[in-house]
Amino acid sequence: MSSHRETNLHRGTTGHRGTNLHRGTTGHRATAEGPFGPPPTTLLRFATAGSVDDGKSTLVGRLLHDSKSVLADQMEAVEHASRARGAAVPDLALLTDGLRAEREQGITIDVAYRYFATPRRRFILADTPGHVQYTRNMVTGASTAELTVILVDARNGVVEQTRRHAAIAALLRVPHVVLAVNKMDLVDYAESVFALIAEEFTAYATALGVPEVTAIPISALAGDNVVEPSARMDWYGGPTVLEHLESVEVGDGAAEGATRFPVQMVIRHQGERYYAGQLLSGRLRVGEEVTVQPSGRVTTVAALDVLGQAADAVAAGASLSVRLADEIDVGRGDMLTAGSRPPRIAKTVEATVCHVADTPLTVGRRVLLKHTTRTVKAIVEDIPSRLTLDDLSQHPEPGSLVANDIGRVRVRTAEPLALDSYADSRRTGAFLLIDPVDGTTLAAGMAGEAFRAAGATAAAVAADADGWDF
């Protein structure tokens, strides 16, 4: 049997431990810059997922505890609650399962966000539920993540829910996936068990288009390979979970992407009109030619203002105000674009959506479509298929989508939109479908194809006489 080190798991011959980590006797906090290291400058958003009882909450609790990210009073509360439940040692899962129903049932129900930092990096963690009926919660938590940690119980291996979570990570274009093979202490820390699971999962995820998989054998309960390396798995030469989180490349390359600046509001200052918003991707420079979408009007950038200071150029992520050279009609919801890769301007959107509302999404339903800062009226024209996450098959013509369903839709809008494919941009390829009556979010959408093409069939929708006939 081939070793896991020969698979595409991003190992080196010496593993992560041969690099300049300066672990020393005080753990990962001992760095070359001093006992506390340099101030953390980068941010990683990541999510956790896994089947029920795979140990997600314990892993998160162990990560927070061993990285010294838990306050003393929080730890005292956990110890008290653990003693009250008859536990001999603190139940670290209680650090994340905050809802009473979660504590009583021992499961995660809602997405729990945790903020912590090490000397090397800042983190925003989304701990998502493992139950099938909470699929929409995982979509919510992973939609903005740059990395997803998928847990597997070493005794059970890759199960249906593991494949579902891998499919969702691929669907959401999460660039980094960590396979945490948990409960290695219950399989005697056997390398062969880990290698088989890692190879099976990596093959499945790669087939879905996941660009990077890193497999790590851990015991969240005992702390093996979570923050500190395990002495009981000396056959493993890769990073611990925290080491990987601290060292994985962050950033989605937005600064190098096509220029996209949705206008959030119009500001008048000293007789001049400025357009405020956040630059989602690309760069803007004074003197650069830009196109106002969806009207197609062309002008140039006359001035850029960032936090009250003039700037010659800005990159993605900056919040700024733009003054244009020409007095043209620009308002909230319009988008300034530049470069050779313009967005698609259309009134028909074909996309994959995850339905998150309790009421079904049906053909002919009137909705509002919110894309960046633009909200327009729309009609669900067709629902060609529903995705079965168990085997990734497409169920044709489902008629409707209910809560937690993922399916293909075609939506017709009253006004044109400047959309990118979600495969090209997670920011400008995403949208929401909203109930126009009460403002409830119905579905989260990803424009363009999913990880594999979905067939579409036409379905006529009768024109509506109440301002929705477009």
Protein backbone atom coordinates (compact mmCIF):
# COMPACT_ATOMS: atom_id res chain seq x y z
CA MET A 1 0.00 0.00 0.00
CA SER A 2 1.33 3.44 -0.90
CA SER A 3 2.11 5.87 1.87
CA HIS A 4 0.00 8.99 2.28
CA ARG A 5 3.15 10.99 1.77
CA GLU A 6 3.07 9.99 -1.90
CA THR A 7 -0.37 11.47 -2.51
CA ASN A 8 -1.17 15.09 -3.28
CA LEU A 9 -1.34 16.08 0.37
CA HIS A 10 1.30 18.80 0.16
CA ARG A 11 3.91 17.12 2.28
CA GLY A 12 7.63 17.59 2.16
CA THR A 13 10.21 14.94 2.91
CA THR A 14 10.84 16.53 6.26
CA GLY A 15 7.29 17.84 6.75
CA HIS A 16 6.43 21.16 8.30
CA ARG A 17 8.64 20.48 11.29
CA GLY A 18 11.77 20.97 9.24
CA THR A 19 10.89 24.61 8.51
CA ASN A 20 11.66 27.74 10.49
CA LEU A 21 8.94 27.44 13.13
CA HIS A 22 11.19 27.90 16.19
CA ARG A 23 8.85 25.81 18.30
CA GLY A 24 11.20 25.48 21.26
CA THR A 25 10.13 24.55 24.75
CA THR A 26 7.33 27.10 24.96
CA GLY A 27 5.39 25.84 21.94
CA HIS A 28 4.47 27.73 18.79
CA ARG A 29 4.61 31.06 20.58
CA ALA A 30 8.42 31.02 20.73
CA THR A 31 9.46 32.80 17.54
CA ALA A 32 12.59 34.51 16.32
CA GLU A 33 11.13 37.92 17.12
CA GLY A 34 10.73 37.21 20.84
CA PRO A 35 8.45 35.27 23.18
CA PHE A 36 5.30 36.77 21.65
CA GLY A 37 6.46 37.16 18.05
CA PRO A 38 5.42 39.91 15.63
CA PRO A 39 1.90 41.36 15.73
CA PRO A 40 -0.50 39.30 13.60
CA THR A 41 -1.05 41.08 10.29
CA THR A 42 -2.99 38.63 8.13
CA LEU A 43 -6.53 37.33 8.57
CA LEU A 44 -7.79 33.84 7.74
CA ARG A 45 -11.49 33.07 7.60
CA PHE A 46 -12.13 29.35 7.95
CA ALA A 47 -15.01 27.00 8.66
CA THR A 48 -15.32 23.59 10.26
CA ALA A 49 -17.63 20.82 9.07
CA GLY A 50 -18.19 17.16 9.80
CA SER A 51 -20.73 14.52 10.69
CA VAL A 52 -22.47 14.42 14.06
CA ASP A 53 -20.12 13.17 16.82
CA ASP A 54 -17.01 13.53 14.67
CA GLY A 55 -15.70 15.97 17.27
CA LYS A 56 -15.94 19.39 15.59
CA SER A 57 -16.76 21.32 18.74
CA THR A 58 -14.05 19.47 20.67
CA LEU A 59 -11.51 20.32 17.96
CA VAL A 60 -12.47 23.99 18.05
CA GLY A 61 -12.38 24.00 21.84
CA ARG A 62 -8.96 22.32 21.83
CA LEU A 63 -7.70 24.81 19.25
CA LEU A 64 -8.84 27.76 21.36
CA HIS A 65 -7.61 26.25 24.63
CA ASP A 66 -4.17 25.12 23.50
CA SER A 67 -3.50 28.33 21.58
CA LYS A 68 -4.16 30.29 24.81
CA SER A 69 -7.23 31.98 23.31
CA VAL A 70 -9.63 31.21 26.19
CA LEU A 71 -10.19 33.66 29.03
CA ALA A 72 -9.85 32.36 32.59
CA ASP A 73 -13.51 32.93 33.45
CA GLN A 74 -14.60 31.08 30.30
CA MET A 75 -12.46 28.12 31.27
CA GLU A 76 -13.81 28.16 34.83
CA ALA A 77 -17.36 28.08 33.46
CA VAL A 78 -16.51 25.11 31.24
CA GLU A 79 -14.89 23.25 34.14
CA HIS A 80 -17.93 23.91 36.35
CA ALA A 81 -20.38 22.77 33.66
CA SER A 82 -18.27 19.66 32.98
CA ARG A 83 -18.23 18.69 36.67
CA ALA A 84 -21.99 19.19 36.84
CA ARG A 85 -22.37 16.70 33.98
CA GLY A 86 -20.14 14.18 35.75
CA ALA A 87 -17.14 14.58 33.45
CA ALA A 88 -13.71 13.92 34.95
CA VAL A 89 -11.99 16.40 32.63
CA PRO A 90 -13.20 19.69 31.11
CA ASP A 91 -15.40 19.19 28.04
CA LEU A 92 -13.81 21.65 25.60
CA ALA A 93 -16.80 21.34 23.26
CA LEU A 94 -18.68 23.58 25.69
CA LEU A 95 -16.48 26.47 24.57
CA THR A 96 -18.34 26.54 21.24
CA ASP A 97 -21.75 24.98 21.80
CA GLY A 98 -23.26 28.13 23.21
CA LEU A 99 -27.00 27.57 22.75
CA ARG A 100 -28.82 25.78 25.55
CA ALA A 101 -30.27 23.25 23.08
CA GLU A 102 -26.76 22.59 21.80
CA ARG A 103 -25.41 21.93 25.28
CA GLU A 104 -28.35 19.74 26.25
CA GLN A 105 -28.31 17.65 23.07
CA GLY A 106 -24.55 17.63 22.61
CA ILE A 107 -24.84 18.85 19.00
CA THR A 108 -24.14 22.01 17.05
CA ILE A 109 -27.28 23.66 15.63
CA ASP A 110 -26.36 27.17 14.57
CA VAL A 111 -23.19 28.62 13.05
CA ALA A 112 -20.94 29.76 15.88
CA TYR A 113 -18.36 32.41 15.02
CA ARG A 114 -15.18 32.62 17.06
CA TYR A 115 -12.45 35.25 16.84
CA PHE A 116 -8.93 34.52 18.01
CA ALA A 117 -5.34 35.29 17.15
CA THR A 118 -1.85 33.87 17.48
CA PRO A 119 1.38 35.79 17.06
CA ARG A 120 1.40 34.79 13.40
CA ARG A 121 -2.19 35.42 12.24
CA ARG A 122 -5.73 36.51 13.14
CA PHE A 123 -8.64 34.11 12.61
CA ILE A 124 -12.41 34.19 12.15
CA LEU A 125 -13.76 30.67 12.66
CA ALA A 126 -17.24 29.51 11.66
CA ASP A 127 -18.19 26.29 13.47
CA THR A 128 -21.00 24.82 11.36
CA PRO A 129 -23.51 22.05 12.18
CA GLY A 130 -23.08 18.48 10.99
CA HIS A 131 -26.70 17.39 10.56
CA VAL A 132 -28.09 17.03 7.03
CA GLN A 133 -31.00 19.33 7.92
CA TYR A 134 -28.54 22.13 8.69
CA THR A 135 -26.86 22.10 5.25
CA ARG A 136 -27.88 25.74 4.76
CA ASN A 137 -25.93 26.65 7.91
CA MET A 138 -22.76 25.14 6.48
CA VAL A 139 -23.29 27.08 3.25
CA THR A 140 -23.63 30.26 5.30
CA GLY A 141 -20.48 29.59 7.29
CA ALA A 142 -18.33 28.47 4.37
CA SER A 143 -19.48 31.08 1.84
CA THR A 144 -16.82 33.58 2.93
CA ALA A 145 -14.21 31.05 4.10
CA GLU A 146 -10.80 30.69 2.49
CA LEU A 147 -10.33 27.30 4.14
CA THR A 148 -12.63 24.54 5.37
CA VAL A 149 -11.67 21.91 7.95
CA ILE A 150 -13.67 18.72 7.31
CA LEU A 151 -13.57 16.21 10.16
CA VAL A 152 -13.76 12.46 9.76
CA ASP A 153 -14.02 9.88 12.54
CA ALA A 154 -11.08 7.53 11.99
CA ARG A 155 -13.29 4.57 12.96
CA ASN A 156 -15.91 5.36 10.31
CA GLY A 157 -13.85 6.81 7.47
CA VAL A 158 -15.41 8.77 4.62
CA VAL A 159 -19.22 8.67 4.98
CA GLU A 160 -22.08 10.28 3.06
CA GLN A 161 -21.97 13.46 5.11
CA THR A 162 -18.23 13.75 4.44
CA ARG A 163 -18.93 13.65 0.72
CA ARG A 164 -21.70 16.23 1.12
CA HIS A 165 -19.35 18.61 2.89
CA ALA A 166 -16.67 18.09 0.24
CA ALA A 167 -19.26 18.82 -2.46
CA ILE A 168 -20.37 22.02 -0.72
CA ALA A 169 -16.75 23.16 -0.35
CA ALA A 170 -16.24 22.54 -4.08
CA LEU A 171 -19.51 24.27 -4.95
CA LEU A 172 -18.55 27.34 -2.92
CA ARG A 173 -15.07 27.37 -4.49
CA VAL A 174 -13.29 27.21 -1.10
CA PRO A 175 -9.61 27.26 -2.15
CA HIS A 176 -8.15 25.21 0.74
CA VAL A 177 -9.59 22.07 2.37
CA VAL A 178 -8.13 20.35 5.44
CA LEU A 179 -9.14 16.76 6.12
CA ALA A 180 -8.80 16.27 9.89
CA VAL A 181 -8.92 12.53 10.60
CA ASN A 182 -10.05 12.67 14.23
CA LYS A 183 -10.13 10.13 17.05
CA MET A 184 -6.86 8.53 16.00
CA ASP A 185 -6.48 7.47 19.64
CA LEU A 186 -9.40 5.07 19.12
CA VAL A 187 -7.62 3.27 16.25
CA ASP A 188 -4.28 2.97 18.07
CA TYR A 189 -2.82 5.84 16.03
CA ALA A 190 -2.49 3.49 13.04
CA GLU A 191 -0.84 5.07 10.00
CA SER A 192 -2.58 2.63 7.65
CA VAL A 193 -6.03 3.77 8.79
CA PHE A 194 -5.13 7.41 8.19
CA ALA A 195 -3.53 6.72 4.80
CA LEU A 196 -6.60 4.89 3.44
CA ILE A 197 -8.98 7.64 4.54
CA ALA A 198 -6.71 10.40 3.21
CA GLU A 199 -6.36 8.75 -0.19
CA GLU A 200 -10.10 8.09 -0.56
CA PHE A 201 -11.10 11.63 0.42
CA THR A 202 -8.40 13.31 -1.67
CA ALA A 203 -9.44 11.38 -4.78
CA TYR A 204 -13.10 12.33 -4.26
CA ALA A 205 -12.38 16.01 -3.54
CA THR A 206 -9.99 16.33 -6.47
CA ALA A 207 -12.63 14.90 -8.81
CA LEU A 208 -14.98 17.67 -7.61
CA GLY A 209 -12.40 20.32 -8.47
CA VAL A 210 -11.14 21.12 -4.96
CA PRO A 211 -7.73 22.69 -5.70
CA GLU A 212 -5.92 21.72 -2.49
CA VAL A 213 -6.39 19.04 0.18
CA THR A 214 -4.20 18.72 3.27
CA ALA A 215 -4.81 15.65 5.46
CA ILE A 216 -3.83 15.72 9.15
CA PRO A 217 -4.27 12.86 11.68
CA ILE A 218 -5.48 14.22 15.03
CA SER A 219 -7.06 13.44 18.36
CA ALA A 220 -8.99 16.51 19.42
CA LEU A 221 -9.77 14.98 22.81
CA ALA A 222 -6.12 14.24 23.62
CA GLY A 223 -4.69 17.23 21.75
CA ASP A 224 -2.60 15.26 19.24
CA ASN A 225 -1.57 17.36 16.22
CA VAL A 226 -4.07 20.13 16.95
CA VAL A 227 -1.70 22.76 18.31
CA GLU A 228 1.20 20.63 19.48
CA PRO A 229 2.69 17.71 17.49
CA SER A 230 1.87 14.22 18.61
CA ALA A 231 4.58 11.99 20.07
CA ARG A 232 2.29 9.03 19.38
CA MET A 233 2.25 9.57 15.59
CA ASP A 234 5.94 9.95 14.78
CA TRP A 235 5.19 8.46 11.35
CA TYR A 236 3.45 11.72 10.41
CA GLY A 237 5.76 14.45 9.15
CA GLY A 238 3.30 17.21 8.30
CA PRO A 239 1.97 20.27 10.14
CA THR A 240 -0.39 20.39 13.09
CA VAL A 241 -3.79 21.95 12.44
CA LEU A 242 -2.72 25.31 13.88
CA GLU A 243 0.59 25.30 12.03
CA HIS A 244 -1.25 24.80 8.76
CA LEU A 245 -3.80 27.51 9.59
CA GLU A 246 -0.96 29.90 10.40
CA SER A 247 1.05 29.17 7.25
CA VAL A 248 -1.52 28.56 4.49
CA GLU A 249 -1.56 31.23 1.82
CA VAL A 250 -4.39 33.71 2.34
CA GLY A 251 -6.03 36.06 -0.11
CA ASP A 252 -8.08 35.17 -3.15
CA GLY A 253 -6.02 37.20 -5.59
CA ALA A 254 -8.74 39.84 -5.74
CA ALA A 255 -6.23 42.63 -6.37
CA GLU A 256 -5.14 40.88 -9.55
CA GLY A 257 -8.68 40.27 -10.75
CA ALA A 258 -10.88 42.38 -12.99
CA THR A 259 -11.76 45.80 -11.58
CA ARG A 260 -15.17 45.80 -9.89
CA PHE A 261 -16.39 48.80 -7.85
CA PRO A 262 -20.10 48.69 -6.89
CA VAL A 263 -21.40 52.13 -5.96
CA GLN A 264 -22.87 52.14 -2.47
CA MET A 265 -23.81 55.81 -2.17
CA VAL A 266 -23.38 59.20 -3.84
CA ILE A 267 -21.67 61.94 -1.84
CA ARG A 268 -21.63 65.65 -2.68
CA HIS A 269 -18.58 67.51 -1.40
CA GLN A 270 -17.69 71.10 -2.29
CA GLY A 271 -19.84 70.95 -5.38
CA GLU A 272 -18.32 67.69 -6.62
CA ARG A 273 -19.99 64.27 -6.82
CA TYR A 274 -18.13 61.33 -5.30
CA TYR A 275 -19.17 57.71 -5.50
CA ALA A 276 -18.47 55.72 -2.34
CA GLY A 277 -18.10 51.98 -1.90
CA GLN A 278 -15.63 49.12 -1.58
CA LEU A 279 -13.36 47.98 -4.39
CA LEU A 280 -14.17 44.28 -4.55
CA SER A 281 -11.46 43.28 -7.02
CA GLY A 282 -8.78 44.73 -9.24
CA ARG A 283 -7.25 48.19 -8.96
CA LEU A 284 -8.29 51.78 -9.67
CA ARG A 285 -5.93 54.56 -10.75
CA VAL A 286 -6.39 58.27 -11.35
CA GLY A 287 -6.65 58.88 -15.08
CA GLU A 288 -7.81 55.33 -15.80
CA GLU A 289 -10.70 54.73 -18.18
CA VAL A 290 -13.69 53.04 -16.53
CA THR A 291 -17.09 51.83 -17.71
CA VAL A 292 -20.28 52.43 -15.76
CA GLN A 293 -22.33 49.23 -15.71
CA PRO A 294 -24.94 48.35 -16.76
CA SER A 295 -25.39 51.54 -18.84
CA GLY A 296 -22.06 51.10 -20.65
CA ARG A 297 -21.08 54.79 -20.37
CA VAL A 298 -17.31 55.35 -20.49
CA THR A 299 -15.42 57.97 -18.50
CA THR A 300 -12.16 58.37 -16.58
CA VAL A 301 -11.23 58.50 -12.90
CA ALA A 302 -10.55 62.11 -11.89
CA ALA A 303 -9.75 61.54 -8.20
CA LEU A 304 -9.62 58.86 -5.51
CA ASP A 305 -10.15 59.49 -1.81
CA VAL A 306 -9.32 56.97 0.94
CA LEU A 307 -10.21 57.96 4.52
CA GLY A 308 -10.08 61.65 3.62
CA GLN A 309 -6.70 61.37 1.89
CA ALA A 310 -6.13 61.69 -1.84
CA ALA A 311 -4.65 58.61 -3.50
CA ASP A 312 -3.21 57.95 -6.94
CA ALA A 313 -4.14 54.25 -6.93
CA VAL A 314 -6.00 51.74 -4.73
CA ALA A 315 -6.22 47.95 -4.64
CA ALA A 316 -9.03 45.49 -3.85
CA GLY A 317 -10.39 45.60 -0.33
CA ALA A 318 -10.15 49.37 0.07
CA SER A 319 -13.18 51.47 0.93
CA LEU A 320 -12.98 54.73 -0.99
CA SER A 321 -14.70 57.51 -2.87
CA VAL A 322 -14.27 58.02 -6.62
CA ARG A 323 -14.75 61.26 -8.57
CA LEU A 324 -15.32 60.86 -12.30
CA ALA A 325 -14.23 63.24 -15.02
CA ASP A 326 -17.70 63.50 -16.59
CA GLU A 327 -21.09 64.40 -15.15
CA ILE A 328 -22.97 61.22 -15.99
CA ASP A 329 -25.86 59.44 -14.32
CA VAL A 330 -24.37 57.11 -11.70
CA GLY A 331 -26.21 55.88 -8.61
CA ARG A 332 -26.34 53.19 -5.98
CA GLY A 333 -26.21 49.76 -7.57
CA ASP A 334 -24.19 50.82 -10.59
CA MET A 335 -20.72 49.31 -10.96
CA LEU A 336 -17.48 50.82 -12.24
CA THR A 337 -15.41 48.32 -14.21
CA ALA A 338 -12.12 48.48 -16.08
CA GLY A 339 -9.84 46.23 -18.06
CA SER A 340 -10.29 43.61 -20.73
CA ARG A 341 -12.59 41.31 -18.74
CA PRO A 342 -15.99 43.01 -18.52
CA PRO A 343 -18.84 41.38 -16.57
CA ARG A 344 -21.77 39.79 -18.36
CA ILE A 345 -24.66 42.24 -18.71
CA ALA A 346 -27.93 40.33 -18.78
CA LYS A 347 -31.49 40.11 -17.50
CA THR A 348 -31.37 36.31 -17.29
CA VAL A 349 -29.35 34.65 -14.54
CA GLU A 350 -28.57 30.93 -14.58
CA ALA A 351 -27.13 29.80 -11.29
CA THR A 352 -26.86 27.24 -8.53
CA VAL A 353 -28.70 28.20 -5.36
CA CYS A 354 -28.91 26.86 -1.83
CA HIS A 355 -32.44 27.35 -0.54
CA VAL A 356 -32.29 28.58 3.06
CA ALA A 357 -35.90 29.56 3.82
CA ASP A 358 -38.57 27.33 5.33
CA THR A 359 -41.03 28.21 2.54
CA PRO A 360 -40.39 26.50 -0.82
CA LEU A 361 -38.95 28.24 -3.86
CA THR A 362 -41.23 27.56 -6.83
CA VAL A 363 -41.30 28.32 -10.54
CA GLY A 364 -43.05 31.63 -11.15
CA ARG A 365 -42.29 33.05 -7.73
CA ARG A 366 -41.66 36.78 -7.57
CA VAL A 367 -38.49 37.68 -5.70
CA LEU A 368 -35.96 40.43 -5.22
CA LEU A 369 -32.44 39.68 -6.42
CA LYS A 370 -29.66 41.42 -4.48
CA HIS A 371 -26.29 41.53 -6.21
CA THR A 372 -23.56 43.60 -4.51
CA THR A 373 -25.28 46.97 -3.90
CA ARG A 374 -28.00 46.49 -6.55
CA THR A 375 -31.46 45.06 -5.78
CA VAL A 376 -33.93 44.39 -8.62
CA LYS A 377 -37.26 42.68 -9.07
CA ALA A 378 -37.10 39.19 -10.56
CA ILE A 379 -39.11 36.06 -11.34
CA VAL A 380 -37.96 32.46 -10.91
CA GLU A 381 -38.38 31.31 -14.50
CA ASP A 382 -37.28 27.70 -14.17
CA ILE A 383 -35.86 25.16 -11.70
CA PRO A 384 -34.22 22.65 -14.08
CA SER A 385 -32.75 20.35 -11.46
CA ARG A 386 -32.03 19.62 -7.81
CA LEU A 387 -28.62 18.34 -6.76
CA THR A 388 -28.48 15.12 -4.76
CA LEU A 389 -25.40 15.60 -2.59
CA ASP A 390 -25.19 11.90 -1.72
CA ASP A 391 -24.02 10.95 -5.20
CA LEU A 392 -23.91 14.36 -6.98
CA SER A 393 -26.67 13.31 -9.39
CA GLN A 394 -29.12 15.84 -10.80
CA HIS A 395 -32.82 15.24 -10.13
CA PRO A 396 -34.57 16.86 -13.14
CA GLU A 397 -37.59 19.14 -12.89
CA PRO A 398 -38.11 19.00 -9.11
CA GLY A 399 -40.83 21.65 -9.31
CA SER A 400 -39.59 23.41 -6.20
CA LEU A 401 -36.71 23.69 -3.77
CA VAL A 402 -37.24 23.33 -0.03
CA ALA A 403 -35.00 24.23 2.91
CA ASN A 404 -31.43 22.89 2.53
CA ASP A 405 -31.95 21.94 -1.14
CA ILE A 406 -29.28 22.88 -3.67
CA GLY A 407 -30.45 23.23 -7.24
CA ARG A 408 -30.17 24.98 -10.56
CA VAL A 409 -32.42 27.95 -11.28
CA ARG A 410 -33.01 30.42 -14.07
CA VAL A 411 -34.10 33.86 -12.92
CA ARG A 412 -35.33 36.72 -15.11
CA THR A 413 -34.74 40.23 -13.77
CA ALA A 414 -36.56 43.50 -14.42
CA GLU A 415 -33.28 45.37 -14.92
CA PRO A 416 -29.93 44.24 -16.32
CA LEU A 417 -27.21 43.10 -13.94
CA ALA A 418 -23.41 43.17 -14.27
CA LEU A 419 -22.61 39.61 -13.19
CA ASP A 420 -19.43 37.58 -13.18
CA SER A 421 -19.34 33.82 -13.01
CA TYR A 422 -18.97 32.61 -9.42
CA ALA A 423 -16.06 30.47 -10.62
CA ASP A 424 -14.24 33.70 -11.55
CA SER A 425 -15.27 35.82 -8.55
CA ARG A 426 -16.89 34.74 -5.31
CA ARG A 427 -17.80 38.38 -4.60
CA THR A 428 -19.38 39.54 -7.85
CA GLY A 429 -20.69 36.11 -8.86
CA ALA A 430 -22.82 35.71 -5.73
CA PHE A 431 -26.32 37.00 -5.07
CA LEU A 432 -29.33 36.58 -2.77
CA LEU A 433 -32.97 35.91 -3.57
CA ILE A 434 -35.22 37.77 -1.15
CA ASP A 435 -38.94 37.65 -0.37
CA PRO A 436 -40.32 41.04 -1.51
CA VAL A 437 -43.08 40.93 1.11
CA ASP A 438 -41.16 40.51 4.37
CA GLY A 439 -37.49 40.74 3.34
CA THR A 440 -36.69 37.12 4.26
CA THR A 441 -33.65 35.65 2.51
CA LEU A 442 -34.88 32.77 0.37
CA ALA A 443 -31.73 31.47 -1.33
CA ALA A 444 -28.04 32.13 -1.77
CA GLY A 445 -27.00 31.99 -5.42
CA MET A 446 -23.81 31.35 -7.39
CA ALA A 447 -23.95 32.51 -11.01
CA GLY A 448 -22.75 30.26 -13.79
CA GLU A 449 -22.06 26.54 -13.75
CA ALA A 450 -21.58 24.46 -10.61
CA PHE A 451 -18.65 22.05 -10.36
CA ARG A 452 -20.19 20.20 -13.25
CA ALA A 453 -22.58 21.32 -15.97
CA ALA A 454 -26.27 21.19 -15.24
CA GLY A 455 -28.79 20.73 -18.02
CA ALA A 456 -31.41 23.42 -18.39
CA THR A 457 -34.91 23.15 -19.80
CA ALA A 458 -37.22 25.97 -20.65
CA ALA A 459 -40.42 26.60 -18.76
CA ALA A 460 -42.82 29.32 -19.73
CA VAL A 461 -43.88 31.72 -17.02
CA ALA A 462 -47.07 33.68 -17.46
CA ALA A 463 -46.72 37.44 -17.35
CA ASP A 464 -47.84 39.06 -14.15
CA ALA A 465 -50.08 42.12 -14.17
CA ASP A 466 -48.73 43.61 -10.94
CA GLY A 467 -45.55 45.23 -12.21
CA TRP A 468 -43.62 41.97 -12.58
CA ASP A 469 -44.26 41.34 -16.30
CA PHE A 470 -40.81 41.66 -17.83
